[in-house]
């Protein structure tokens, strides 16, 4: 994975995503494309409506520009601090033997701005949205997962010093889980340990050993485990098993149930977007 896209919002969470991206790219030398996604202050004007004079519109625009400038300053400070700590070189995207990085600002709709850069990257890295966090972060994560055609890694507060050396693969036999494995094969092949985990929820009949055999045929040292469903749900069961295995990355096929069912009942993917102590890779 040579090109890693990290969407920034100029807030808490940006540094966590950059740290994870650096760990992901570092071993092979890669480039971190950090992009601040900023709403256009003019987007507030349709909300204002008619009946406002030019002077009042100017005041509204000036008030909207202030937090935008603060957002840019915060993102720049976070990026600069991360560069200093990680040793990344700012600039050259063509380097193949060292960690490089760049920062730019894109102005427009959020979510939406992340679609183009996420499709160019090998992987997108985001901080989790948090149930009470900025709704823009959760929305852009979901857009990246659903529309980029690339895997998305969710950073976590509990990240270890490595990522991808000890991987738990969530396997339920779905097409999404199969694509997640296929899209992540380069990462799995460089992992020191891979554990395929199937959660026995009374509905899934997949055999983790069957996927283990496929991975072994691809030169991956893998073991299979069936985990008993925890009352807290499938996501919590997977998290607990990942912790038990000492994993630094949990791979999940996103939205393996219908989107309507996920919306009405909730699901593994929706839980993963906001919770978790282990870095998680989502692919579909």
Protein backbone atom coordinates (compact mmCIF):
# COMPACT_ATOMS: atom_id res chain seq x y z
CA UNK A 1 0.00 0.00 0.00
CA UNK A 2 1.94 2.95 -1.34
CA UNK A 3 -0.62 5.75 -1.41
CA UNK A 4 -2.66 6.42 1.71
CA UNK A 5 -5.40 9.04 1.84
CA UNK A 6 -6.12 10.67 5.21
CA UNK A 7 -9.10 13.07 5.33
CA UNK A 8 -8.66 15.74 8.02
CA UNK A 9 -11.29 17.91 9.70
CA UNK A 10 -9.04 20.11 11.82
CA UNK A 11 -10.11 18.47 15.08
CA UNK A 12 -9.34 15.72 17.56
CA UNK A 13 -8.86 12.48 15.71
CA UNK A 14 -6.71 13.87 12.89
CA UNK A 15 -3.46 12.98 14.67
CA UNK A 16 -4.64 9.46 15.44
CA UNK A 17 -5.42 8.88 11.74
CA UNK A 18 -2.04 10.26 10.66
CA UNK A 19 -0.21 8.05 13.16
CA UNK A 20 -1.99 4.96 11.85
CA UNK A 21 -1.34 5.94 8.23
CA UNK A 22 2.35 6.38 8.97
CA UNK A 23 2.55 2.92 10.55
CA UNK A 24 0.72 1.40 7.61
CA UNK A 25 2.97 3.03 5.01
CA UNK A 26 6.22 3.04 6.91
CA UNK A 27 7.40 -0.57 6.49
CA UNK A 28 7.33 -0.43 2.70
CA UNK A 29 7.81 3.29 2.13
CA UNK A 30 4.71 5.10 0.99
CA UNK A 31 3.01 8.47 0.65
CA UNK A 32 0.39 9.92 2.98
CA UNK A 33 -2.02 12.23 1.16
CA UNK A 34 -3.46 14.35 3.98
CA UNK A 35 -6.37 16.50 2.79
CA UNK A 36 -8.27 18.98 4.92
CA UNK A 37 -11.95 18.80 3.92
CA UNK A 38 -13.53 22.19 4.52
CA UNK A 39 -17.04 23.33 3.83
CA UNK A 40 -17.47 26.36 1.62
CA UNK A 41 -18.79 29.24 3.81
CA UNK A 42 -21.06 30.22 0.92
CA UNK A 43 -23.01 27.02 1.57
CA UNK A 44 -24.74 28.80 4.45
CA UNK A 45 -26.29 31.40 2.16
CA UNK A 46 -29.20 29.26 0.90
CA UNK A 47 -30.14 28.74 4.54
CA UNK A 48 -30.22 32.50 5.10
CA UNK A 49 -32.89 32.96 2.47
CA UNK A 50 -34.36 36.17 1.13
CA UNK A 51 -34.79 39.42 2.98
CA UNK A 52 -31.16 39.92 3.94
CA UNK A 53 -29.26 42.94 2.70
CA UNK A 54 -25.74 42.87 1.28
CA UNK A 55 -24.21 44.14 4.52
CA UNK A 56 -25.84 41.37 6.56
CA UNK A 57 -24.74 38.73 4.04
CA UNK A 58 -21.17 40.05 4.31
CA UNK A 59 -21.35 39.74 8.09
CA UNK A 60 -22.60 36.17 7.84
CA UNK A 61 -19.81 35.28 5.41
CA UNK A 62 -17.16 36.87 7.64
CA UNK A 63 -18.49 34.96 10.66
CA UNK A 64 -18.37 31.70 8.70
CA UNK A 65 -14.78 32.34 7.55
CA UNK A 66 -13.45 32.55 11.11
CA UNK A 67 -14.04 28.89 12.08
CA UNK A 68 -12.82 27.86 8.61
CA UNK A 69 -9.49 29.59 9.23
CA UNK A 70 -9.29 28.02 12.69
CA UNK A 71 -9.93 24.63 11.10
CA UNK A 72 -7.08 25.13 8.61
CA UNK A 73 -4.69 26.29 11.32
CA UNK A 74 -5.51 23.28 13.51
CA UNK A 75 -5.02 20.83 10.63
CA UNK A 76 -1.70 22.41 9.67
CA UNK A 77 -0.43 22.30 13.26
CA UNK A 78 -1.43 18.65 13.62
CA UNK A 79 0.19 17.73 10.32
CA UNK A 80 3.42 19.58 11.16
CA UNK A 81 3.66 17.89 14.55
CA UNK A 82 3.07 14.47 13.00
CA UNK A 83 5.73 15.07 10.32
CA UNK A 84 8.25 16.04 12.99
CA UNK A 85 7.51 12.96 15.08
CA UNK A 86 7.24 10.43 12.25
CA UNK A 87 10.22 11.61 10.23
CA UNK A 88 8.13 11.81 7.06
CA UNK A 89 9.50 13.93 4.24
CA UNK A 90 7.07 16.52 2.91
CA UNK A 91 6.71 16.45 -0.85
CA UNK A 92 7.78 13.76 -3.30
CA UNK A 93 5.00 11.24 -4.07
CA UNK A 94 7.33 9.16 -6.24
CA UNK A 95 9.69 8.04 -3.46
CA UNK A 96 9.64 4.27 -3.03
CA UNK A 97 11.97 3.71 -0.10
CA UNK A 98 10.85 6.23 2.52
CA UNK A 99 7.76 7.75 4.10
CA UNK A 100 6.61 10.97 2.41
CA UNK A 101 3.57 13.16 2.97
CA UNK A 102 1.67 16.16 1.68
CA UNK A 103 -1.13 18.38 2.96
CA UNK A 104 -3.69 20.30 0.95
CA UNK A 105 -7.10 21.84 1.51
CA UNK A 106 -10.20 21.07 -0.53
CA UNK A 107 -13.32 23.20 -0.17
CA UNK A 108 -16.79 21.92 -0.93
CA UNK A 109 -19.45 19.53 0.34
CA UNK A 110 -18.65 17.26 3.29
CA UNK A 111 -19.20 14.38 2.84
CA UNK A 112 -18.51 14.18 -0.87
CA UNK A 113 -15.11 15.82 -1.23
CA UNK A 114 -13.37 12.60 -0.19
CA UNK A 115 -14.68 10.50 -3.10
CA UNK A 116 -12.05 11.45 -5.69
CA UNK A 117 -8.92 11.20 -3.50
CA UNK A 118 -10.15 7.98 -1.86
CA UNK A 119 -10.50 6.33 -5.27
CA UNK A 120 -6.92 7.27 -6.19
CA UNK A 121 -5.44 5.87 -2.98
CA UNK A 122 -4.67 2.27 -2.07
CA UNK A 123 -6.43 2.78 1.26
CA UNK A 124 -8.17 5.55 3.22
CA UNK A 125 -7.35 6.01 6.92
CA UNK A 126 -9.82 7.78 9.23
CA UNK A 127 -10.35 8.21 12.93
CA UNK A 128 -13.58 6.69 14.18
CA UNK A 129 -16.50 9.11 14.29
CA UNK A 130 -17.62 8.41 17.84
CA UNK A 131 -21.30 8.27 18.77
CA UNK A 132 -21.22 11.83 20.12
CA UNK A 133 -18.55 13.16 17.76
CA UNK A 134 -18.63 15.35 14.67
CA UNK A 135 -21.32 13.89 12.37
CA UNK A 136 -19.19 14.92 9.38
CA UNK A 137 -16.54 12.37 10.37
CA UNK A 138 -18.97 9.46 10.55
CA UNK A 139 -20.57 10.55 7.27
CA UNK A 140 -17.29 10.81 5.37
CA UNK A 141 -16.20 7.38 6.67
CA UNK A 142 -19.40 5.81 5.41
CA UNK A 143 -19.08 7.56 2.05
CA UNK A 144 -15.51 6.31 1.68
CA UNK A 145 -16.55 2.76 2.56
CA UNK A 146 -19.56 2.73 0.24
CA UNK A 147 -18.27 4.75 -2.74
CA UNK A 148 -14.47 4.55 -2.98
CA UNK A 149 -14.05 0.95 -4.08
CA UNK A 150 -11.03 0.86 -1.75
CA UNK A 151 -10.54 -0.41 1.80
CA UNK A 152 -10.92 2.02 4.70
CA UNK A 153 -8.91 1.73 7.91
CA UNK A 154 -10.39 3.12 11.11
CA UNK A 155 -7.74 4.22 13.58
CA UNK A 156 -8.25 3.60 17.27
CA UNK A 157 -7.06 5.04 20.55
CA UNK A 158 -5.86 1.56 21.46
CA UNK A 159 -3.59 1.16 18.42
CA UNK A 160 -0.39 -0.72 19.10
CA UNK A 161 2.96 0.39 17.76
CA UNK A 162 2.36 -1.76 14.70
CA UNK A 163 -0.51 -2.32 12.30
CA UNK A 164 -1.00 -5.32 10.05
CA UNK A 165 1.51 -7.63 11.72
CA UNK A 166 -1.17 -9.61 13.59
CA UNK A 167 -4.49 -9.59 11.72
CA UNK A 168 -7.90 -11.01 12.62
CA UNK A 169 -10.10 -11.65 9.57
CA UNK A 170 -13.86 -11.62 10.25
CA UNK A 171 -15.31 -14.37 8.07
CA UNK A 172 -19.03 -15.00 7.57
CA UNK A 173 -18.91 -16.41 4.05
CA UNK A 174 -20.44 -13.28 2.48
CA UNK A 175 -19.38 -11.69 -0.81
CA UNK A 176 -18.30 -8.58 1.12
CA UNK A 177 -16.07 -10.63 3.40
CA UNK A 178 -14.56 -12.39 0.37
CA UNK A 179 -13.83 -9.06 -1.33
CA UNK A 180 -12.31 -7.71 1.89
CA UNK A 181 -9.87 -10.62 1.95
CA UNK A 182 -9.05 -10.21 -1.74
CA UNK A 183 -8.50 -6.44 -1.48
CA UNK A 184 -6.27 -6.92 1.57
CA UNK A 185 -4.18 -9.80 0.27
CA UNK A 186 -0.92 -7.79 -0.01
CA UNK A 187 -1.27 -6.74 3.62
CA UNK A 188 -2.16 -10.27 4.75
CA UNK A 189 0.84 -11.70 2.91
CA UNK A 190 3.24 -9.52 4.88
CA UNK A 191 1.53 -10.20 8.23
CA UNK A 192 3.35 -12.35 10.76
CA UNK A 193 0.11 -13.90 11.99
CA UNK A 194 -3.44 -14.14 10.61
CA UNK A 195 -6.46 -15.55 12.44
CA UNK A 196 -9.76 -16.17 10.63
CA UNK A 197 -12.68 -15.70 13.04
CA UNK A 198 -16.28 -16.73 12.43
CA UNK A 199 -18.86 -15.59 14.99
CA UNK A 200 -21.47 -18.25 15.74
CA UNK A 201 -24.62 -16.14 15.92
CA UNK A 202 -27.04 -18.92 14.97
CA UNK A 203 -27.35 -17.55 11.44
CA UNK A 204 -23.88 -17.83 9.88
CA UNK A 205 -22.82 -21.29 8.71
CA UNK A 206 -19.39 -20.32 7.37
CA UNK A 207 -16.36 -22.44 8.25
CA UNK A 208 -13.29 -20.40 9.21
CA UNK A 209 -11.05 -23.35 8.34
CA UNK A 210 -12.16 -23.16 4.69
CA UNK A 211 -10.86 -19.58 4.38
CA UNK A 212 -7.77 -20.53 6.36
CA UNK A 213 -6.97 -23.10 3.69
CA UNK A 214 -7.25 -20.46 0.95
CA UNK A 215 -4.90 -18.14 2.82
CA UNK A 216 -2.37 -20.90 3.42
CA UNK A 217 -2.37 -21.71 -0.29
CA UNK A 218 -1.36 -18.09 -0.82
CA UNK A 219 1.60 -18.43 1.52
CA UNK A 220 -0.10 -16.90 4.56
CA UNK A 221 0.33 -18.49 7.98
CA UNK A 222 -3.29 -18.57 9.14
CA UNK A 223 -5.40 -20.27 11.81
CA UNK A 224 -9.17 -20.50 12.17
CA UNK A 225 -11.36 -19.84 15.21
CA UNK A 226 -15.11 -19.95 15.85
CA UNK A 227 -16.17 -17.45 18.51
CA UNK A 228 -19.38 -17.70 20.52
CA UNK A 229 -21.62 -14.66 20.13
CA UNK A 230 -21.40 -12.22 23.02
CA UNK A 231 -24.66 -10.67 24.24
CA UNK A 232 -23.22 -7.27 23.28
CA UNK A 233 -23.33 -8.27 19.60
CA UNK A 234 -21.16 -9.45 16.72
CA UNK A 235 -18.92 -6.36 16.67
CA UNK A 236 -18.16 -6.70 20.38
CA UNK A 237 -17.46 -10.41 19.93
CA UNK A 238 -15.00 -9.70 17.13
CA UNK A 239 -13.32 -6.96 19.17
CA UNK A 240 -12.96 -9.30 22.15
CA UNK A 241 -11.48 -12.04 19.99
CA UNK A 242 -9.09 -9.58 18.34
CA UNK A 243 -7.94 -8.49 21.79
CA UNK A 244 -7.54 -12.12 22.86
CA UNK A 245 -5.40 -12.81 19.81
CA UNK A 246 -3.31 -9.67 20.44
CA UNK A 247 -4.27 -8.41 16.99
CA UNK A 248 -3.29 -4.96 15.74
CA UNK A 249 -5.83 -5.00 12.88
CA UNK A 250 -9.34 -6.39 12.42
CA UNK A 251 -10.50 -6.95 8.83
CA UNK A 252 -14.25 -6.82 8.16
CA UNK A 253 -16.37 -7.00 5.01
CA UNK A 254 -18.63 -3.96 5.32
CA UNK A 255 -22.43 -4.08 5.09
CA UNK A 256 -22.83 -7.79 4.46
CA UNK A 257 -26.52 -7.45 5.31
CA UNK A 258 -28.83 -5.27 3.25
CA UNK A 259 -28.38 -1.53 3.82
CA UNK A 260 -32.04 -1.28 4.87
CA UNK A 261 -31.52 -3.90 7.57
CA UNK A 262 -28.37 -2.13 8.75
CA UNK A 263 -30.29 1.15 8.98
CA UNK A 264 -33.27 -0.27 10.85
CA UNK A 265 -31.56 -2.77 13.13
CA UNK A 266 -28.02 -1.47 13.30
CA UNK A 267 -25.20 -3.84 12.49
CA UNK A 268 -21.57 -4.79 12.70
CA UNK A 269 -20.48 -2.05 10.31
CA UNK A 270 -22.37 0.72 12.06
CA UNK A 271 -20.93 -0.35 15.43
CA UNK A 272 -17.45 -0.42 13.89
CA UNK A 273 -17.77 3.17 12.67
CA UNK A 274 -18.04 4.52 16.20
CA UNK A 275 -16.55 1.99 18.62
CA UNK A 276 -13.51 -0.20 19.00
CA UNK A 277 -10.09 -0.41 20.57
CA UNK A 278 -8.39 -2.22 17.67
CA UNK A 279 -7.64 -0.64 14.30
CA UNK A 280 -10.17 -1.91 11.78
CA UNK A 281 -10.09 -2.29 8.01
CA UNK A 282 -13.46 -2.17 6.24
CA UNK A 283 -13.89 -3.24 2.62
CA UNK A 284 -16.86 -4.10 0.42
